[in-house]
């Protein structure tokens, strides 16, 4: 199958070489689960611990796009395949 934009292709083989990851989930009963599903999760994979830890620290920061009254509730945790 041809793709218009190659960078949009999800390559699972590429992620197999990456052993350090970050898993994002939602707390039980979170209302965003009504949209994403109760068992929603997302993983991001990195080549080494340094890359993963750097990305993890950035994910922990409350970015400026939230309103002052918004509080993000996602749970992020470090994971590895080793």
Protein backbone atom coordinates (compact mmCIF):
# COMPACT_ATOMS: atom_id res chain seq x y z
CA UNK A 1 0.00 0.00 0.00
CA UNK A 2 1.30 3.45 -0.87
CA UNK A 3 1.10 6.27 1.63
CA UNK A 4 0.99 9.94 0.82
CA UNK A 5 3.20 10.85 3.78
CA UNK A 6 5.67 8.15 4.78
CA UNK A 7 6.19 9.70 8.23
CA UNK A 8 2.55 8.83 9.06
CA UNK A 9 3.22 5.11 8.73
CA UNK A 10 3.41 3.37 12.10
CA UNK A 11 6.37 0.99 11.96
CA UNK A 12 6.14 -1.61 14.74
CA UNK A 13 9.51 -3.12 13.77
CA UNK A 14 11.15 0.22 14.48
CA UNK A 15 9.79 0.21 18.05
CA UNK A 16 11.07 -3.33 18.75
CA UNK A 17 14.63 -1.98 18.86
CA UNK A 18 13.64 0.50 21.56
CA UNK A 19 13.66 -1.06 25.02
CA UNK A 20 12.88 1.91 27.28
CA UNK A 21 9.43 3.40 27.38
CA UNK A 22 6.82 5.55 29.01
CA UNK A 23 3.29 4.26 29.50
CA UNK A 24 0.37 6.64 29.88
CA UNK A 25 -2.95 5.54 31.42
CA UNK A 26 -5.97 7.14 33.02
CA UNK A 27 -7.06 6.77 36.64
CA UNK A 28 -10.08 4.54 37.31
CA UNK A 29 -13.27 6.54 36.85
CA UNK A 30 -11.61 9.38 34.92
CA UNK A 31 -14.22 11.06 32.72
CA UNK A 32 -11.83 11.13 29.74
CA UNK A 33 -12.21 7.35 29.80
CA UNK A 34 -15.75 7.89 28.49
CA UNK A 35 -14.19 9.15 25.26
CA UNK A 36 -11.02 7.06 25.02
CA UNK A 37 -12.27 3.87 26.69
CA UNK A 38 -11.79 2.61 30.24
CA UNK A 39 -8.66 0.61 29.32
CA UNK A 40 -6.94 3.31 27.24
CA UNK A 41 -3.16 3.37 27.32
CA UNK A 42 -0.39 4.76 25.14
CA UNK A 43 3.28 3.82 25.04
CA UNK A 44 6.22 5.84 23.74
CA UNK A 45 9.51 3.96 23.19
CA UNK A 46 13.12 5.20 23.30
CA UNK A 47 16.55 3.81 22.46
CA UNK A 48 18.10 4.35 25.90
CA UNK A 49 17.28 5.33 29.47
CA UNK A 50 18.60 8.87 29.02
CA UNK A 51 16.20 9.62 26.14
CA UNK A 52 13.31 8.07 28.07
CA UNK A 53 14.11 9.89 31.32
CA UNK A 54 14.43 13.23 29.51
CA UNK A 55 11.05 12.76 27.83
CA UNK A 56 9.52 11.63 31.14
CA UNK A 57 10.62 14.83 32.89
CA UNK A 58 9.10 16.92 30.08
CA UNK A 59 5.82 14.98 30.31
CA UNK A 60 5.57 15.68 34.03
CA UNK A 61 5.57 19.45 33.45
CA UNK A 62 2.14 21.04 33.26
CA UNK A 63 2.30 22.76 29.86
CA UNK A 64 0.85 26.15 29.08
CA UNK A 65 -2.07 24.93 26.96
CA UNK A 66 -4.10 23.98 30.03
CA UNK A 67 -6.48 26.52 31.52
CA UNK A 68 -5.64 27.54 35.09
CA UNK A 69 -8.58 25.48 36.34
CA UNK A 70 -7.67 22.35 34.34
CA UNK A 71 -5.73 19.60 36.06
CA UNK A 72 -4.32 16.81 33.89
CA UNK A 73 -5.00 13.39 35.40
CA UNK A 74 -3.09 10.98 33.18
CA UNK A 75 -0.72 8.60 34.91
CA UNK A 76 2.75 8.29 33.40
CA UNK A 77 5.21 5.58 34.35
CA UNK A 78 8.59 4.38 33.15
CA UNK A 79 8.64 0.91 31.61
CA UNK A 80 11.23 -1.32 29.95
CA UNK A 81 11.32 -4.53 27.95
CA UNK A 82 14.30 -5.93 29.83
